[in-house]
Amino acid sequence: MAQLTQIDHRWSLSGDVVIDTVQPLLTASKALPIAADTMVDFAKVNNIDTSTISLILEWKRRAQLENKALTFVNLPANLISLTQLYGVAELIN
């Protein structure tokens, strides 16, 4: 089970961020404010798949619409590899 929590300006993800959990995480995130310096922390994420990239891009779109910036930290190595493979690494960082 994946979870998204917020402490101050840090969103913390935990569990598996995969196709079955991305939609509930996106829904949960809509209740969280994006501050000017919000960080999304992947330190407690166990597994990811390509749907994780879609989630990140959706969060980036929302931040852009709100004129805010999101920073992603502690990205798993396999997520970094996938973003490079799909040519979206520069959009995430």
N, C-alpha and C. Protein backbone atom coordinates (compact mmCIF):
# COMPACT_ATOMS: atom_id res chain seq x y z
N MET A 1 0.84 -1.19 0.00
CA MET A 1 0.00 0.00 0.00
C MET A 1 0.88 1.25 0.00
N ALA A 2 0.60 2.16 -0.86
CA ALA A 2 1.34 3.41 -0.94
C ALA A 2 0.65 4.47 -0.10
N GLN A 3 1.47 5.37 0.43
CA GLN A 3 0.93 6.48 1.21
C GLN A 3 1.63 7.76 0.83
N LEU A 4 0.90 8.84 0.97
CA LEU A 4 1.44 10.18 0.75
C LEU A 4 1.10 11.01 1.98
N THR A 5 2.13 11.52 2.64
CA THR A 5 1.92 12.36 3.81
C THR A 5 2.65 13.68 3.61
N GLN A 6 2.22 14.66 4.36
CA GLN A 6 2.86 15.96 4.27
C GLN A 6 3.29 16.42 5.66
N ILE A 7 4.54 16.85 5.75
CA ILE A 7 5.07 17.49 6.94
C ILE A 7 5.72 18.78 6.48
N ASP A 8 5.16 19.88 6.93
CA ASP A 8 5.61 21.20 6.48
C ASP A 8 5.53 21.27 4.95
N HIS A 9 6.67 21.52 4.31
CA HIS A 9 6.68 21.64 2.84
C HIS A 9 7.25 20.40 2.18
N ARG A 10 7.14 19.26 2.83
CA ARG A 10 7.67 18.01 2.28
C ARG A 10 6.54 17.00 2.15
N TRP A 11 6.36 16.52 0.91
CA TRP A 11 5.47 15.39 0.69
C TRP A 11 6.33 14.14 0.76
N SER A 12 5.93 13.18 1.55
CA SER A 12 6.69 11.95 1.69
C SER A 12 5.87 10.78 1.15
N LEU A 13 6.46 10.09 0.19
CA LEU A 13 5.84 8.89 -0.38
C LEU A 13 6.41 7.66 0.31
N SER A 14 5.57 6.65 0.48
CA SER A 14 6.07 5.37 1.00
C SER A 14 5.29 4.24 0.34
N GLY A 15 5.93 3.08 0.33
CA GLY A 15 5.30 1.90 -0.27
C GLY A 15 5.61 1.78 -1.74
N ASP A 16 4.72 1.13 -2.46
CA ASP A 16 4.88 0.89 -3.89
C ASP A 16 4.13 1.95 -4.70
N VAL A 17 4.86 2.66 -5.55
CA VAL A 17 4.23 3.66 -6.42
C VAL A 17 4.17 3.03 -7.81
N VAL A 18 3.09 2.29 -8.01
CA VAL A 18 2.91 1.50 -9.23
C VAL A 18 1.51 1.75 -9.79
N ILE A 19 1.22 1.14 -10.90
CA ILE A 19 -0.03 1.40 -11.61
C ILE A 19 -1.27 1.29 -10.72
N ASP A 20 -1.28 0.37 -9.77
CA ASP A 20 -2.45 0.20 -8.91
C ASP A 20 -2.57 1.27 -7.83
N THR A 21 -1.49 1.98 -7.55
CA THR A 21 -1.51 2.96 -6.46
C THR A 21 -1.40 4.41 -6.93
N VAL A 22 -1.09 4.61 -8.19
CA VAL A 22 -0.89 5.98 -8.68
C VAL A 22 -2.16 6.81 -8.60
N GLN A 23 -3.29 6.28 -9.00
CA GLN A 23 -4.53 7.07 -8.96
C GLN A 23 -4.90 7.46 -7.53
N PRO A 24 -4.87 6.54 -6.55
CA PRO A 24 -5.15 6.97 -5.17
C PRO A 24 -4.15 8.00 -4.66
N LEU A 25 -2.89 7.90 -5.06
CA LEU A 25 -1.89 8.89 -4.64
C LEU A 25 -2.19 10.25 -5.27
N LEU A 26 -2.59 10.25 -6.54
CA LEU A 26 -2.94 11.50 -7.21
C LEU A 26 -4.14 12.14 -6.52
N THR A 27 -5.13 11.34 -6.20
CA THR A 27 -6.32 11.86 -5.51
C THR A 27 -5.94 12.44 -4.15
N ALA A 28 -5.11 11.72 -3.39
CA ALA A 28 -4.67 12.20 -2.08
C ALA A 28 -3.89 13.51 -2.20
N SER A 29 -3.09 13.63 -3.24
CA SER A 29 -2.26 14.82 -3.40
C SER A 29 -3.08 16.08 -3.67
N LYS A 30 -4.26 15.91 -4.22
CA LYS A 30 -5.11 17.08 -4.53
C LYS A 30 -5.54 17.82 -3.26
N ALA A 31 -5.52 17.13 -2.12
CA ALA A 31 -5.87 17.76 -0.85
C ALA A 31 -4.68 18.47 -0.21
N LEU A 32 -3.48 18.27 -0.76
CA LEU A 32 -2.28 18.86 -0.17
C LEU A 32 -1.89 20.13 -0.92
N PRO A 33 -1.56 21.17 -0.18
CA PRO A 33 -1.11 22.39 -0.85
C PRO A 33 0.32 22.24 -1.37
N ILE A 34 0.60 22.94 -2.44
CA ILE A 34 1.97 23.02 -2.94
C ILE A 34 2.50 24.39 -2.55
N ALA A 35 3.50 24.39 -1.69
CA ALA A 35 4.15 25.65 -1.29
C ALA A 35 5.21 26.00 -2.32
N ALA A 36 5.77 27.17 -2.19
CA ALA A 36 6.79 27.61 -3.15
C ALA A 36 8.02 26.70 -3.14
N ASP A 37 8.27 26.03 -2.02
CA ASP A 37 9.47 25.20 -1.90
C ASP A 37 9.15 23.76 -1.52
N THR A 38 8.06 23.21 -2.03
CA THR A 38 7.66 21.85 -1.69
C THR A 38 8.61 20.83 -2.31
N MET A 39 9.01 19.86 -1.48
CA MET A 39 9.83 18.74 -1.93
C MET A 39 9.00 17.47 -1.85
N VAL A 40 9.17 16.61 -2.83
CA VAL A 40 8.52 15.30 -2.84
C VAL A 40 9.63 14.28 -2.61
N ASP A 41 9.53 13.57 -1.49
CA ASP A 41 10.59 12.66 -1.05
C ASP A 41 10.23 11.21 -1.35
N PHE A 42 11.09 10.55 -2.11
CA PHE A 42 10.89 9.15 -2.50
C PHE A 42 11.70 8.18 -1.63
N ALA A 43 12.26 8.64 -0.51
CA ALA A 43 13.16 7.81 0.30
C ALA A 43 12.52 6.51 0.78
N LYS A 44 11.23 6.53 1.03
CA LYS A 44 10.55 5.34 1.59
C LYS A 44 9.77 4.55 0.54
N VAL A 45 10.04 4.82 -0.73
CA VAL A 45 9.36 4.09 -1.80
C VAL A 45 10.06 2.77 -2.03
N ASN A 46 9.28 1.70 -2.12
CA ASN A 46 9.84 0.37 -2.33
C ASN A 46 9.97 0.02 -3.80
N ASN A 47 8.88 0.15 -4.54
CA ASN A 47 8.85 -0.23 -5.95
C ASN A 47 8.20 0.88 -6.77
N ILE A 48 8.66 0.99 -8.01
CA ILE A 48 8.06 1.94 -8.95
C ILE A 48 7.87 1.23 -10.28
N ASP A 49 7.07 1.84 -11.14
CA ASP A 49 6.98 1.39 -12.53
C ASP A 49 6.80 2.64 -13.39
N THR A 50 6.53 2.47 -14.65
CA THR A 50 6.44 3.63 -15.54
C THR A 50 5.30 4.56 -15.17
N SER A 51 4.30 4.07 -14.48
CA SER A 51 3.19 4.94 -14.08
C SER A 51 3.65 6.00 -13.07
N THR A 52 4.74 5.74 -12.39
CA THR A 52 5.30 6.73 -11.46
C THR A 52 5.69 8.00 -12.21
N ILE A 53 6.20 7.84 -13.41
CA ILE A 53 6.57 9.00 -14.23
C ILE A 53 5.33 9.83 -14.54
N SER A 54 4.23 9.17 -14.85
CA SER A 54 2.98 9.89 -15.12
C SER A 54 2.53 10.68 -13.91
N LEU A 55 2.66 10.10 -12.75
CA LEU A 55 2.28 10.79 -11.51
C LEU A 55 3.14 12.03 -11.30
N ILE A 56 4.43 11.88 -11.48
CA ILE A 56 5.36 13.01 -11.31
C ILE A 56 5.02 14.12 -12.31
N LEU A 57 4.78 13.75 -13.54
CA LEU A 57 4.46 14.76 -14.56
C LEU A 57 3.13 15.46 -14.26
N GLU A 58 2.17 14.73 -13.73
CA GLU A 58 0.90 15.35 -13.35
C GLU A 58 1.12 16.35 -12.20
N TRP A 59 1.96 15.98 -11.24
CA TRP A 59 2.27 16.91 -10.15
C TRP A 59 3.00 18.15 -10.68
N LYS A 60 3.89 17.95 -11.64
CA LYS A 60 4.61 19.08 -12.23
C LYS A 60 3.63 20.01 -12.97
N ARG A 61 2.67 19.45 -13.69
CA ARG A 61 1.66 20.25 -14.38
C ARG A 61 0.85 21.09 -13.38
N ARG A 62 0.45 20.43 -12.30
CA ARG A 62 -0.31 21.15 -11.28
C ARG A 62 0.52 22.29 -10.69
N ALA A 63 1.75 22.02 -10.34
CA ALA A 63 2.63 23.04 -9.77
C ALA A 63 2.78 24.21 -10.75
N GLN A 64 2.95 23.90 -12.01
CA GLN A 64 3.10 24.94 -13.02
C GLN A 64 1.83 25.80 -13.11
N LEU A 65 0.67 25.18 -13.07
CA LEU A 65 -0.60 25.91 -13.11
C LEU A 65 -0.75 26.83 -11.89
N GLU A 66 -0.18 26.39 -10.76
CA GLU A 66 -0.25 27.18 -9.53
C GLU A 66 0.96 28.12 -9.37
N ASN A 67 1.79 28.18 -10.40
CA ASN A 67 3.01 29.00 -10.36
C ASN A 67 3.90 28.66 -9.17
N LYS A 68 4.06 27.36 -8.94
CA LYS A 68 4.91 26.85 -7.87
C LYS A 68 5.93 25.91 -8.50
N ALA A 69 6.91 25.53 -7.71
CA ALA A 69 7.92 24.58 -8.19
C ALA A 69 7.98 23.40 -7.22
N LEU A 70 8.06 22.21 -7.77
CA LEU A 70 8.25 21.01 -6.96
C LEU A 70 9.66 20.49 -7.18
N THR A 71 10.26 20.02 -6.11
CA THR A 71 11.57 19.38 -6.19
C THR A 71 11.40 17.93 -5.77
N PHE A 72 11.99 17.03 -6.52
CA PHE A 72 11.90 15.61 -6.21
C PHE A 72 13.25 15.15 -5.65
N VAL A 73 13.22 14.52 -4.48
CA VAL A 73 14.46 14.09 -3.82
C VAL A 73 14.41 12.60 -3.53
N ASN A 74 15.60 12.04 -3.40
CA ASN A 74 15.77 10.61 -3.10
C ASN A 74 15.08 9.71 -4.12
N LEU A 75 15.20 10.09 -5.40
CA LEU A 75 14.61 9.26 -6.45
C LEU A 75 15.34 7.92 -6.54
N PRO A 76 14.61 6.82 -6.63
CA PRO A 76 15.25 5.52 -6.80
C PRO A 76 16.03 5.47 -8.12
N ALA A 77 17.10 4.73 -8.13
CA ALA A 77 17.95 4.63 -9.33
C ALA A 77 17.16 4.14 -10.53
N ASN A 78 16.26 3.19 -10.33
CA ASN A 78 15.49 2.68 -11.47
C ASN A 78 14.51 3.73 -12.01
N LEU A 79 14.05 4.63 -11.17
CA LEU A 79 13.19 5.72 -11.65
C LEU A 79 14.01 6.72 -12.46
N ILE A 80 15.19 7.02 -12.01
CA ILE A 80 16.09 7.90 -12.77
C ILE A 80 16.37 7.30 -14.14
N SER A 81 16.64 6.00 -14.16
CA SER A 81 16.90 5.31 -15.43
C SER A 81 15.70 5.39 -16.37
N LEU A 82 14.50 5.19 -15.82
CA LEU A 82 13.29 5.25 -16.65
C LEU A 82 13.08 6.66 -17.21
N THR A 83 13.32 7.68 -16.39
CA THR A 83 13.13 9.05 -16.89
C THR A 83 14.13 9.36 -18.00
N GLN A 84 15.32 8.81 -17.89
CA GLN A 84 16.32 9.01 -18.96
C GLN A 84 15.91 8.25 -20.21
N LEU A 85 15.43 7.03 -20.04
CA LEU A 85 15.00 6.21 -21.16
C LEU A 85 13.87 6.88 -21.94
N TYR A 86 12.91 7.47 -21.23
CA TYR A 86 11.76 8.12 -21.87
C TYR A 86 12.02 9.58 -22.23
N GLY A 87 13.21 10.06 -21.94
CA GLY A 87 13.57 11.42 -22.33
C GLY A 87 12.88 12.52 -21.55
N VAL A 88 12.50 12.23 -20.30
CA VAL A 88 11.81 13.23 -19.47
C VAL A 88 12.61 13.63 -18.23
N ALA A 89 13.83 13.21 -18.12
CA ALA A 89 14.64 13.50 -16.94
C ALA A 89 14.73 15.00 -16.68
N GLU A 90 14.90 15.78 -17.75
CA GLU A 90 15.03 17.22 -17.58
C GLU A 90 13.73 17.86 -17.11
N LEU A 91 12.60 17.23 -17.32
CA LEU A 91 11.32 17.76 -16.86
C LEU A 91 11.11 17.53 -15.38
N ILE A 92 11.81 16.54 -14.84
CA ILE A 92 11.59 16.17 -13.45
C ILE A 92 12.53 16.91 -12.51
N ASN A 93 13.71 17.18 -12.96
CA ASN A 93 14.67 17.87 -12.08
C ASN A 93 15.04 19.23 -12.61
